[in-house]
Amino acid sequence: MKVILNKELATLGEEGDVKDVAKGYARNYLFPRGIALPYTPKMIKLIEGRRAEIEARKEQKRLDARGLKEKLSEIELSITMPAGANGKLYGAVTNQTIADELSKNGFQIERKRIEIAGSSFKNVGKYKATVKLYENQSAEISITVIGQEIKTETPALKPAPRRSRKERQEIKEETVQEAPADGKTEEASAETVQKN
């Protein structure tokens, strides 16, 4: 089913685009939300009447994307992550990590628009990431991942586990049986045998 987009939808297209979609998607999602209009001669005339306005908005988005591209190309992000002595990170730098770091620097960019080679960085070093902007424009940003060593403390000795009464009794019996023979215990046992 052909529809004309009334609003921009990232997964489908921009305002004024003619798209082919499933009937159910159009009837149940696009039409009720005002995202798309039916592809009819009346709607085509309506969109054509707004064509100059739509093109002006697209041109403004292109200019904004060019400006953002220049700003992003100039910055170099430094991300500090916990790492081992060999430079391997405990965790990984993902597109969400980069989006958070960019927002700290005043850039509001969705994580979906940030592309990383191999989906994440897992070692300390210098990397590049691509930020998709408007249409075919994209910006490349430099990222330096710095490792932060985690101080590990030597584990304290654990106290001996609590034993049940039965276990304590068995241990006591074993120590009595294994007690060293110093002569007195043999004499005492000899005396008890003679008395009986």
N, C-alpha and C. Protein backbone atom coordinates (compact mmCIF):
# COMPACT_ATOMS: atom_id res chain seq x y z
N MET A 1 0.85 -1.18 0.00
CA MET A 1 0.00 0.00 0.00
C MET A 1 0.90 1.24 0.00
N LYS A 2 0.63 2.18 -0.89
CA LYS A 2 1.41 3.41 -0.96
C LYS A 2 0.86 4.44 0.00
N VAL A 3 1.80 5.10 0.72
CA VAL A 3 1.42 6.18 1.63
C VAL A 3 2.36 7.35 1.42
N ILE A 4 1.93 8.53 1.84
CA ILE A 4 2.77 9.72 1.81
C ILE A 4 3.06 10.08 3.26
N LEU A 5 4.33 10.20 3.62
CA LEU A 5 4.69 10.53 5.00
C LEU A 5 4.35 11.98 5.31
N ASN A 6 3.62 12.16 6.38
CA ASN A 6 3.21 13.48 6.85
C ASN A 6 4.21 14.03 7.86
N LYS A 7 4.96 13.11 8.50
CA LYS A 7 5.98 13.46 9.48
C LYS A 7 7.20 12.58 9.22
N GLU A 8 8.32 13.01 9.76
CA GLU A 8 9.54 12.20 9.62
C GLU A 8 9.46 11.00 10.56
N LEU A 9 9.83 9.84 10.06
CA LEU A 9 9.90 8.63 10.88
C LEU A 9 11.24 7.98 10.55
N ALA A 10 12.11 7.88 11.55
CA ALA A 10 13.50 7.44 11.32
C ALA A 10 13.58 6.11 10.59
N THR A 11 12.70 5.18 10.91
CA THR A 11 12.77 3.85 10.29
C THR A 11 12.17 3.80 8.89
N LEU A 12 11.42 4.84 8.51
CA LEU A 12 10.71 4.80 7.23
C LEU A 12 11.17 5.87 6.25
N GLY A 13 11.24 7.11 6.69
CA GLY A 13 11.66 8.18 5.78
C GLY A 13 11.30 9.54 6.32
N GLU A 14 11.35 10.53 5.42
CA GLU A 14 11.10 11.92 5.81
C GLU A 14 9.75 12.39 5.31
N GLU A 15 9.36 13.54 5.80
CA GLU A 15 8.10 14.17 5.42
C GLU A 15 8.06 14.38 3.90
N GLY A 16 6.96 13.98 3.29
CA GLY A 16 6.79 14.14 1.85
C GLY A 16 7.22 12.93 1.03
N ASP A 17 7.91 11.98 1.63
CA ASP A 17 8.33 10.78 0.91
C ASP A 17 7.15 9.86 0.65
N VAL A 18 7.16 9.19 -0.50
CA VAL A 18 6.13 8.19 -0.84
C VAL A 18 6.75 6.83 -0.56
N LYS A 19 6.08 6.04 0.28
CA LYS A 19 6.62 4.74 0.69
C LYS A 19 5.59 3.65 0.48
N ASP A 20 6.07 2.45 0.27
CA ASP A 20 5.21 1.27 0.16
C ASP A 20 5.27 0.54 1.49
N VAL A 21 4.13 0.37 2.16
CA VAL A 21 4.09 -0.30 3.46
C VAL A 21 2.96 -1.33 3.48
N ALA A 22 2.95 -2.18 4.48
CA ALA A 22 1.87 -3.16 4.65
C ALA A 22 0.58 -2.43 5.02
N LYS A 23 -0.54 -2.97 4.56
CA LYS A 23 -1.85 -2.34 4.83
C LYS A 23 -2.11 -2.21 6.34
N GLY A 24 -1.84 -3.27 7.08
CA GLY A 24 -2.08 -3.26 8.53
C GLY A 24 -1.23 -2.22 9.24
N TYR A 25 0.04 -2.08 8.82
CA TYR A 25 0.94 -1.09 9.41
C TYR A 25 0.40 0.32 9.17
N ALA A 26 -0.09 0.54 7.95
CA ALA A 26 -0.64 1.86 7.62
C ALA A 26 -1.92 2.13 8.41
N ARG A 27 -2.85 1.18 8.39
CA ARG A 27 -4.15 1.38 9.06
C ARG A 27 -4.03 1.45 10.57
N ASN A 28 -3.19 0.61 11.16
CA ASN A 28 -3.13 0.50 12.62
C ASN A 28 -2.11 1.41 13.28
N TYR A 29 -1.10 1.84 12.54
CA TYR A 29 -0.05 2.64 13.18
C TYR A 29 0.13 4.02 12.53
N LEU A 30 0.37 4.05 11.23
CA LEU A 30 0.72 5.31 10.57
C LEU A 30 -0.45 6.29 10.48
N PHE A 31 -1.61 5.83 10.04
CA PHE A 31 -2.76 6.74 9.89
C PHE A 31 -3.28 7.27 11.22
N PRO A 32 -3.50 6.42 12.24
CA PRO A 32 -4.03 6.94 13.51
C PRO A 32 -3.11 7.97 14.19
N ARG A 33 -1.80 7.85 13.99
CA ARG A 33 -0.85 8.77 14.63
C ARG A 33 -0.54 9.99 13.77
N GLY A 34 -1.11 10.04 12.58
CA GLY A 34 -0.89 11.18 11.69
C GLY A 34 0.48 11.19 11.06
N ILE A 35 1.18 10.05 11.08
CA ILE A 35 2.52 9.97 10.50
C ILE A 35 2.45 9.91 8.98
N ALA A 36 1.40 9.27 8.44
CA ALA A 36 1.27 9.13 6.99
C ALA A 36 -0.15 9.43 6.55
N LEU A 37 -0.27 9.72 5.25
CA LEU A 37 -1.57 9.99 4.62
C LEU A 37 -1.75 8.98 3.48
N PRO A 38 -2.99 8.64 3.14
CA PRO A 38 -3.20 7.73 2.01
C PRO A 38 -2.70 8.36 0.71
N TYR A 39 -2.22 7.54 -0.18
CA TYR A 39 -1.71 8.02 -1.47
C TYR A 39 -2.88 8.18 -2.43
N THR A 40 -3.50 9.35 -2.36
CA THR A 40 -4.65 9.66 -3.23
C THR A 40 -4.35 10.98 -3.93
N PRO A 41 -5.01 11.27 -5.04
CA PRO A 41 -4.76 12.53 -5.75
C PRO A 41 -4.95 13.76 -4.86
N LYS A 42 -5.95 13.72 -3.97
CA LYS A 42 -6.21 14.84 -3.06
C LYS A 42 -5.02 15.05 -2.11
N MET A 43 -4.49 13.97 -1.54
CA MET A 43 -3.37 14.07 -0.60
C MET A 43 -2.09 14.46 -1.32
N ILE A 44 -1.93 14.02 -2.58
CA ILE A 44 -0.75 14.39 -3.35
C ILE A 44 -0.72 15.90 -3.55
N LYS A 45 -1.89 16.48 -3.90
CA LYS A 45 -1.98 17.94 -4.07
C LYS A 45 -1.68 18.66 -2.76
N LEU A 46 -2.17 18.12 -1.64
CA LEU A 46 -1.94 18.72 -0.33
C LEU A 46 -0.43 18.78 -0.02
N ILE A 47 0.26 17.66 -0.26
CA ILE A 47 1.71 17.59 0.01
C ILE A 47 2.47 18.48 -0.97
N GLU A 48 2.06 18.50 -2.23
CA GLU A 48 2.73 19.35 -3.22
C GLU A 48 2.60 20.83 -2.85
N GLY A 49 1.48 21.20 -2.25
CA GLY A 49 1.29 22.57 -1.79
C GLY A 49 2.26 22.93 -0.66
N ARG A 50 2.66 21.93 0.11
CA ARG A 50 3.59 22.13 1.23
C ARG A 50 5.04 21.82 0.84
N ARG A 51 5.29 21.49 -0.41
CA ARG A 51 6.61 21.04 -0.85
C ARG A 51 7.71 22.07 -0.55
N ALA A 52 7.45 23.34 -0.80
CA ALA A 52 8.47 24.38 -0.56
C ALA A 52 8.82 24.45 0.92
N GLU A 53 7.81 24.35 1.77
CA GLU A 53 8.01 24.36 3.23
C GLU A 53 8.83 23.14 3.67
N ILE A 54 8.50 21.98 3.11
CA ILE A 54 9.22 20.73 3.44
C ILE A 54 10.68 20.84 3.01
N GLU A 55 10.92 21.34 1.80
CA GLU A 55 12.30 21.47 1.30
C GLU A 55 13.10 22.46 2.14
N ALA A 56 12.46 23.52 2.61
CA ALA A 56 13.16 24.50 3.46
C ALA A 56 13.59 23.84 4.76
N ARG A 57 12.72 23.00 5.34
CA ARG A 57 13.08 22.29 6.57
C ARG A 57 14.24 21.31 6.34
N LYS A 58 14.21 20.62 5.20
CA LYS A 58 15.28 19.67 4.86
C LYS A 58 16.61 20.41 4.70
N GLU A 59 16.58 21.57 4.04
CA GLU A 59 17.80 22.35 3.84
C GLU A 59 18.37 22.83 5.18
N GLN A 60 17.48 23.20 6.10
CA GLN A 60 17.93 23.62 7.43
C GLN A 60 18.59 22.45 8.17
N LYS A 61 18.02 21.25 8.02
CA LYS A 61 18.61 20.06 8.65
C LYS A 61 19.99 19.77 8.06
N ARG A 62 20.15 19.97 6.75
CA ARG A 62 21.45 19.75 6.11
C ARG A 62 22.50 20.73 6.66
N LEU A 63 22.10 21.99 6.81
CA LEU A 63 23.02 23.01 7.34
C LEU A 63 23.41 22.69 8.78
N ASP A 64 22.42 22.28 9.59
CA ASP A 64 22.68 21.91 10.98
C ASP A 64 23.63 20.72 11.05
N ALA A 65 23.44 19.75 10.15
CA ALA A 65 24.29 18.56 10.13
C ALA A 65 25.73 18.92 9.76
N ARG A 66 25.90 19.85 8.80
CA ARG A 66 27.25 20.28 8.42
C ARG A 66 27.96 20.96 9.60
N GLY A 67 27.23 21.82 10.30
CA GLY A 67 27.81 22.49 11.47
C GLY A 67 28.19 21.51 12.56
N LEU A 68 27.31 20.53 12.81
CA LEU A 68 27.57 19.52 13.83
C LEU A 68 28.75 18.64 13.43
N LYS A 69 28.85 18.35 12.13
CA LYS A 69 29.96 17.53 11.64
C LYS A 69 31.30 18.21 11.93
N GLU A 70 31.38 19.53 11.68
CA GLU A 70 32.62 20.26 11.94
C GLU A 70 32.97 20.25 13.42
N LYS A 71 31.97 20.46 14.27
CA LYS A 71 32.22 20.48 15.72
C LYS A 71 32.66 19.11 16.22
N LEU A 72 32.00 18.06 15.74
CA LEU A 72 32.34 16.70 16.20
C LEU A 72 33.72 16.28 15.73
N SER A 73 34.10 16.69 14.51
CA SER A 73 35.41 16.31 13.97
C SER A 73 36.55 16.95 14.76
N GLU A 74 36.28 18.07 15.42
CA GLU A 74 37.31 18.78 16.16
C GLU A 74 37.57 18.20 17.55
N ILE A 75 36.56 17.57 18.15
CA ILE A 75 36.74 17.11 19.54
C ILE A 75 37.43 15.75 19.59
N GLU A 76 38.10 15.51 20.70
CA GLU A 76 38.68 14.19 20.98
C GLU A 76 38.20 13.78 22.36
N LEU A 77 37.50 12.68 22.41
CA LEU A 77 36.96 12.20 23.68
C LEU A 77 37.99 11.38 24.42
N SER A 78 38.06 11.56 25.73
CA SER A 78 38.90 10.71 26.59
C SER A 78 37.96 9.99 27.55
N ILE A 79 37.99 8.68 27.48
CA ILE A 79 37.12 7.87 28.33
C ILE A 79 38.00 7.03 29.24
N THR A 80 37.79 7.16 30.54
CA THR A 80 38.56 6.39 31.52
C THR A 80 37.72 5.21 31.99
N MET A 81 38.30 4.03 31.85
CA MET A 81 37.60 2.79 32.22
C MET A 81 38.52 1.94 33.10
N PRO A 82 37.94 1.13 34.00
CA PRO A 82 38.76 0.21 34.79
C PRO A 82 39.42 -0.82 33.87
N ALA A 83 40.71 -1.05 34.07
CA ALA A 83 41.45 -1.98 33.21
C ALA A 83 42.49 -2.73 34.01
N GLY A 84 42.88 -3.86 33.47
CA GLY A 84 43.93 -4.67 34.08
C GLY A 84 45.30 -4.15 33.68
N ALA A 85 46.34 -4.75 34.22
CA ALA A 85 47.71 -4.33 33.95
C ALA A 85 48.08 -4.53 32.48
N ASN A 86 47.46 -5.48 31.81
CA ASN A 86 47.75 -5.76 30.40
C ASN A 86 47.01 -4.84 29.44
N GLY A 87 46.19 -3.92 29.95
CA GLY A 87 45.47 -2.97 29.10
C GLY A 87 44.09 -3.43 28.67
N LYS A 88 43.69 -4.60 29.11
CA LYS A 88 42.36 -5.11 28.78
C LYS A 88 41.35 -4.50 29.75
N LEU A 89 40.25 -4.00 29.19
CA LEU A 89 39.24 -3.33 30.00
C LEU A 89 38.37 -4.33 30.76
N TYR A 90 37.94 -3.93 31.96
CA TYR A 90 36.92 -4.69 32.69
C TYR A 90 35.59 -4.14 32.21
N GLY A 91 35.05 -4.71 31.16
CA GLY A 91 33.86 -4.18 30.52
C GLY A 91 34.25 -3.75 29.12
N ALA A 92 33.50 -2.83 28.53
CA ALA A 92 33.79 -2.38 27.17
C ALA A 92 33.25 -0.98 26.95
N VAL A 93 33.83 -0.27 25.99
CA VAL A 93 33.33 1.03 25.58
C VAL A 93 32.36 0.78 24.43
N THR A 94 31.09 1.07 24.64
CA THR A 94 30.06 0.84 23.63
C THR A 94 29.56 2.18 23.09
N ASN A 95 28.63 2.10 22.13
CA ASN A 95 28.07 3.35 21.58
C ASN A 95 27.29 4.11 22.66
N GLN A 96 26.74 3.43 23.66
CA GLN A 96 26.05 4.11 24.76
C GLN A 96 27.06 4.89 25.61
N THR A 97 28.22 4.32 25.86
CA THR A 97 29.28 4.99 26.62
C THR A 97 29.70 6.27 25.90
N ILE A 98 29.85 6.17 24.58
CA ILE A 98 30.26 7.33 23.79
C ILE A 98 29.16 8.38 23.77
N ALA A 99 27.90 7.96 23.65
CA ALA A 99 26.77 8.90 23.68
C ALA A 99 26.72 9.65 25.01
N ASP A 100 26.98 8.94 26.12
CA ASP A 100 27.00 9.58 27.44
C ASP A 100 28.13 10.60 27.54
N GLU A 101 29.29 10.24 27.00
CA GLU A 101 30.45 11.14 27.04
C GLU A 101 30.20 12.37 26.17
N LEU A 102 29.55 12.18 25.01
CA LEU A 102 29.22 13.31 24.14
C LEU A 102 28.21 14.24 24.81
N SER A 103 27.26 13.67 25.55
CA SER A 103 26.26 14.52 26.23
C SER A 103 26.92 15.36 27.33
N LYS A 104 27.99 14.83 27.94
CA LYS A 104 28.74 15.62 28.93
C LYS A 104 29.40 16.83 28.27
N ASN A 105 29.72 16.68 26.97
CA ASN A 105 30.36 17.77 26.21
C ASN A 105 29.34 18.63 25.47
N GLY A 106 28.05 18.41 25.71
CA GLY A 106 27.02 19.28 25.14
C GLY A 106 26.43 18.80 23.82
N PHE A 107 26.70 17.57 23.40
CA PHE A 107 26.14 17.04 22.16
C PHE A 107 25.10 15.97 22.49
N GLN A 108 23.86 16.21 22.07
CA GLN A 108 22.80 15.22 22.31
C GLN A 108 22.66 14.34 21.07
N ILE A 109 23.29 13.18 21.10
CA ILE A 109 23.27 12.28 19.95
C ILE A 109 22.80 10.91 20.42
N GLU A 110 21.85 10.35 19.67
CA GLU A 110 21.31 9.02 20.02
C GLU A 110 22.40 7.98 19.82
N ARG A 111 22.38 6.97 20.68
CA ARG A 111 23.40 5.92 20.59
C ARG A 111 23.29 5.13 19.29
N LYS A 112 22.08 5.05 18.71
CA LYS A 112 21.88 4.30 17.47
C LYS A 112 22.63 4.93 16.31
N ARG A 113 22.91 6.22 16.41
CA ARG A 113 23.58 6.92 15.32
C ARG A 113 25.10 6.82 15.41
N ILE A 114 25.60 6.20 16.47
CA ILE A 114 27.06 6.06 16.65
C ILE A 114 27.47 4.65 16.25
N GLU A 115 28.41 4.57 15.31
CA GLU A 115 28.89 3.27 14.83
C GLU A 115 30.33 3.06 15.28
N ILE A 116 30.56 1.86 15.82
CA ILE A 116 31.90 1.48 16.30
C ILE A 116 32.32 0.22 15.55
N ALA A 117 33.56 0.17 15.12
CA ALA A 117 34.07 -1.03 14.47
C ALA A 117 34.11 -2.17 15.49
N GLY A 118 33.45 -3.27 15.20
CA GLY A 118 33.44 -4.41 16.12
C GLY A 118 32.47 -4.25 17.27
N SER A 119 31.60 -3.29 17.23
CA SER A 119 30.53 -3.01 18.21
C SER A 119 31.00 -2.51 19.58
N SER A 120 32.28 -2.66 19.93
CA SER A 120 32.78 -2.10 21.19
C SER A 120 34.31 -2.12 21.21
N PHE A 121 34.88 -1.31 22.11
CA PHE A 121 36.33 -1.28 22.32
C PHE A 121 36.59 -2.00 23.64
N LYS A 122 37.53 -2.96 23.62
CA LYS A 122 37.77 -3.76 24.82
C LYS A 122 39.18 -3.61 25.37
N ASN A 123 39.97 -2.73 24.73
CA ASN A 123 41.35 -2.50 25.19
C ASN A 123 41.63 -1.01 25.28
N VAL A 124 42.65 -0.67 26.02
CA VAL A 124 43.11 0.71 26.12
C VAL A 124 43.73 1.09 24.78
N GLY A 125 43.52 2.35 24.34
CA GLY A 125 44.13 2.80 23.09
C GLY A 125 43.37 3.92 22.45
N LYS A 126 43.73 4.23 21.19
CA LYS A 126 43.08 5.29 20.42
C LYS A 126 42.21 4.64 19.35
N TYR A 127 40.99 5.17 19.22
CA TYR A 127 40.02 4.61 18.29
C TYR A 127 39.29 5.71 17.55
N LYS A 128 38.54 5.31 16.53
CA LYS A 128 37.68 6.22 15.76
C LYS A 128 36.27 5.64 15.79
N ALA A 129 35.29 6.53 15.85
CA ALA A 129 33.89 6.14 15.76
C ALA A 129 33.21 7.06 14.77
N THR A 130 32.17 6.55 14.12
CA THR A 130 31.45 7.33 13.13
C THR A 130 30.07 7.69 13.67
N VAL A 131 29.72 8.97 13.54
CA VAL A 131 28.40 9.44 13.95
C VAL A 131 27.62 9.77 12.69
N LYS A 132 26.51 9.05 12.48
CA LYS A 132 25.66 9.30 11.31
C LYS A 132 24.82 10.54 11.57
N LEU A 133 24.88 11.47 10.65
CA LEU A 133 24.12 12.71 10.77
C LEU A 133 22.96 12.67 9.78
N TYR A 134 22.60 13.76 9.22
CA TYR A 134 21.45 13.85 8.31
C TYR A 134 21.84 13.36 6.92
N GLU A 135 20.96 12.60 6.27
CA GLU A 135 21.14 12.02 4.94
C GLU A 135 22.44 11.22 4.88
N ASN A 136 23.36 11.57 3.97
CA ASN A 136 24.60 10.80 3.81
C ASN A 136 25.75 11.36 4.62
N GLN A 137 25.50 12.40 5.39
CA GLN A 137 26.58 13.04 6.14
C GLN A 137 26.90 12.25 7.41
N SER A 138 28.19 12.18 7.71
CA SER A 138 28.63 11.54 8.95
C SER A 138 29.91 12.22 9.42
N ALA A 139 30.15 12.11 10.70
CA ALA A 139 31.34 12.71 11.30
C ALA A 139 32.15 11.62 11.98
N GLU A 140 33.48 11.76 11.90
CA GLU A 140 34.36 10.79 12.56
C GLU A 140 34.93 11.45 13.80
N ILE A 141 34.78 10.77 14.94
CA ILE A 141 35.31 11.33 16.19
C ILE A 141 36.45 10.44 16.69
N SER A 142 37.43 11.11 17.32
CA SER A 142 38.58 10.40 17.89
C SER A 142 38.29 10.11 19.36
N ILE A 143 38.60 8.89 19.76
CA ILE A 143 38.34 8.47 21.14
C ILE A 143 39.62 7.86 21.70
N THR A 144 40.00 8.33 22.88
CA THR A 144 41.13 7.75 23.59
C THR A 144 40.59 7.04 24.83
N VAL A 145 40.85 5.75 24.91
CA VAL A 145 40.41 4.97 26.06
C VAL A 145 41.60 4.83 27.01
N ILE A 146 41.42 5.34 28.22
CA ILE A 146 42.47 5.33 29.22
C ILE A 146 42.12 4.29 30.29
N GLY A 147 43.09 3.47 30.63
CA GLY A 147 42.87 2.44 31.64
C GLY A 147 43.12 2.97 33.04
N GLN A 148 42.25 2.61 33.94
CA GLN A 148 42.39 2.99 35.34
C GLN A 148 42.56 1.71 36.13
N GLU A 149 43.74 1.54 36.75
CA GLU A 149 43.97 0.30 37.50
C GLU A 149 43.14 0.29 38.76
N ILE A 150 42.59 -0.87 39.03
CA ILE A 150 41.80 -1.05 40.25
C ILE A 150 42.71 -1.65 41.30
N LYS A 151 42.79 -1.00 42.45
CA LYS A 151 43.62 -1.51 43.54
C LYS A 151 42.90 -2.69 44.18
N THR A 152 43.62 -3.79 44.24
CA THR A 152 43.03 -4.97 44.87
C THR A 152 43.69 -5.19 46.21
N GLU A 153 42.91 -5.41 47.20
CA GLU A 153 43.42 -5.66 48.54
C GLU A 153 43.57 -7.16 48.73
N THR A 154 44.56 -7.54 49.55
CA THR A 154 44.72 -8.96 49.82
C THR A 154 43.54 -9.41 50.66
N PRO A 155 42.96 -10.52 50.31
CA PRO A 155 41.79 -10.96 51.06
C PRO A 155 42.16 -11.33 52.49
N ALA A 156 41.35 -10.93 53.42
CA ALA A 156 41.57 -11.24 54.83
C ALA A 156 41.28 -12.72 55.06
N LEU A 157 41.95 -13.27 56.08
CA LEU A 157 41.71 -14.67 56.39
C LEU A 157 40.28 -14.84 56.87
N LYS A 158 39.65 -15.84 56.33
CA LYS A 158 38.27 -16.09 56.72
C LYS A 158 38.25 -16.87 58.03
N PRO A 159 37.33 -16.55 58.90
CA PRO A 159 37.24 -17.33 60.14
C PRO A 159 36.80 -18.77 59.81
N ALA A 160 37.20 -19.68 60.67
CA ALA A 160 36.84 -21.08 60.46
C ALA A 160 35.31 -21.21 60.45
N PRO A 161 34.81 -22.05 59.59
CA PRO A 161 33.35 -22.19 59.52
C PRO A 161 32.79 -22.80 60.80
N ARG A 162 31.60 -22.41 61.16
CA ARG A 162 30.97 -22.96 62.36
C ARG A 162 30.60 -24.41 62.08
N ARG A 163 30.90 -25.22 63.06
CA ARG A 163 30.62 -26.65 62.91
C ARG A 163 29.42 -27.03 63.77
N SER A 164 28.75 -28.04 63.32
CA SER A 164 27.60 -28.52 64.09
C SER A 164 28.11 -29.27 65.32
N ARG A 165 27.21 -29.53 66.24
CA ARG A 165 27.58 -30.24 67.47
C ARG A 165 28.14 -31.62 67.14
N LYS A 166 27.53 -32.29 66.18
CA LYS A 166 27.96 -33.63 65.81
C LYS A 166 29.38 -33.60 65.25
N GLU A 167 29.68 -32.61 64.38
CA GLU A 167 31.02 -32.49 63.82
C GLU A 167 32.04 -32.20 64.91
N ARG A 168 31.70 -31.32 65.85
CA ARG A 168 32.62 -31.00 66.94
C ARG A 168 32.91 -32.25 67.79
N GLN A 169 31.88 -33.07 68.05
CA GLN A 169 32.04 -34.29 68.85
C GLN A 169 32.97 -35.27 68.13
N GLU A 170 32.80 -35.41 66.79
CA GLU A 170 33.64 -36.32 66.02
C GLU A 170 35.10 -35.86 66.05
N ILE A 171 35.31 -34.55 65.94
CA ILE A 171 36.68 -34.02 65.97
C ILE A 171 37.30 -34.27 67.34
N LYS A 172 36.51 -34.10 68.41
CA LYS A 172 37.00 -34.33 69.77
C LYS A 172 37.40 -35.79 69.94
N GLU A 173 36.59 -36.72 69.45
CA GLU A 173 36.89 -38.15 69.57
C GLU A 173 38.15 -38.51 68.81
N GLU A 174 38.33 -37.91 67.62
CA GLU A 174 39.53 -38.19 66.82
C GLU A 174 40.78 -37.71 67.54
N THR A 175 40.71 -36.55 68.18
CA THR A 175 41.90 -36.03 68.87
C THR A 175 42.22 -36.87 70.10
N VAL A 176 41.21 -37.41 70.76
CA VAL A 176 41.45 -38.25 71.94
C VAL A 176 42.13 -39.55 71.50
N GLN A 177 41.67 -40.11 70.38
CA GLN A 177 42.26 -41.36 69.89
C GLN A 177 43.68 -41.15 69.39
N GLU A 178 43.94 -39.97 68.81
CA GLU A 178 45.27 -39.70 68.26
C GLU A 178 46.20 -39.06 69.28
N ALA A 179 45.78 -38.93 70.52
CA ALA A 179 46.61 -38.27 71.54
C ALA A 179 47.91 -39.05 71.71
N PRO A 180 49.04 -38.33 71.88
CA PRO A 180 50.34 -39.02 72.01
C PRO A 180 50.41 -39.83 73.31
N ALA A 181 51.06 -40.98 73.23
CA ALA A 181 51.20 -41.85 74.41
C ALA A 181 52.38 -41.36 75.23
N ASP A 182 52.12 -40.82 76.40
CA ASP A 182 53.20 -40.32 77.27
C ASP A 182 53.38 -41.23 78.49
N GLY A 183 52.74 -42.36 78.46
CA GLY A 183 52.90 -43.31 79.56
C GLY A 183 51.80 -43.22 80.57
N LYS A 184 51.33 -42.02 80.88
CA LYS A 184 50.31 -41.84 81.90
C LYS A 184 48.97 -42.39 81.45
N THR A 185 48.65 -42.17 80.21
CA THR A 185 47.35 -42.65 79.73
C THR A 185 47.32 -44.18 79.70
N GLU A 186 48.48 -44.80 79.39
CA GLU A 186 48.52 -46.27 79.37
C GLU A 186 48.40 -46.82 80.79
N GLU A 187 49.06 -46.14 81.75
CA GLU A 187 48.98 -46.59 83.14
C GLU A 187 47.56 -46.45 83.66
N ALA A 188 46.93 -45.34 83.31
CA ALA A 188 45.56 -45.11 83.79
C ALA A 188 44.63 -46.16 83.20
N SER A 189 44.84 -46.50 81.95
CA SER A 189 43.98 -47.52 81.35
C SER A 189 44.27 -48.88 81.94
N ALA A 190 45.54 -49.16 82.31
CA ALA A 190 45.91 -50.44 82.93
C ALA A 190 45.24 -50.57 84.28
N GLU A 191 45.22 -49.44 85.05
CA GLU A 191 44.59 -49.43 86.37
C GLU A 191 43.08 -49.70 86.26
N THR A 192 42.44 -49.12 85.28
CA THR A 192 41.00 -49.35 85.14
C THR A 192 40.72 -50.79 84.76
N VAL A 193 41.61 -51.44 84.01
CA VAL A 193 41.40 -52.82 83.63
C VAL A 193 41.57 -53.72 84.86
N GLN A 194 42.58 -53.42 85.75
CA GLN A 194 42.82 -54.22 86.94
C GLN A 194 41.66 -54.12 87.94
N LYS A 195 41.06 -52.91 88.05
CA LYS A 195 39.96 -52.73 88.96
C LYS A 195 38.74 -53.55 88.54
N ASN A 196 38.55 -53.71 87.29
CA ASN A 196 37.40 -54.45 86.77
C ASN A 196 37.69 -55.90 86.91
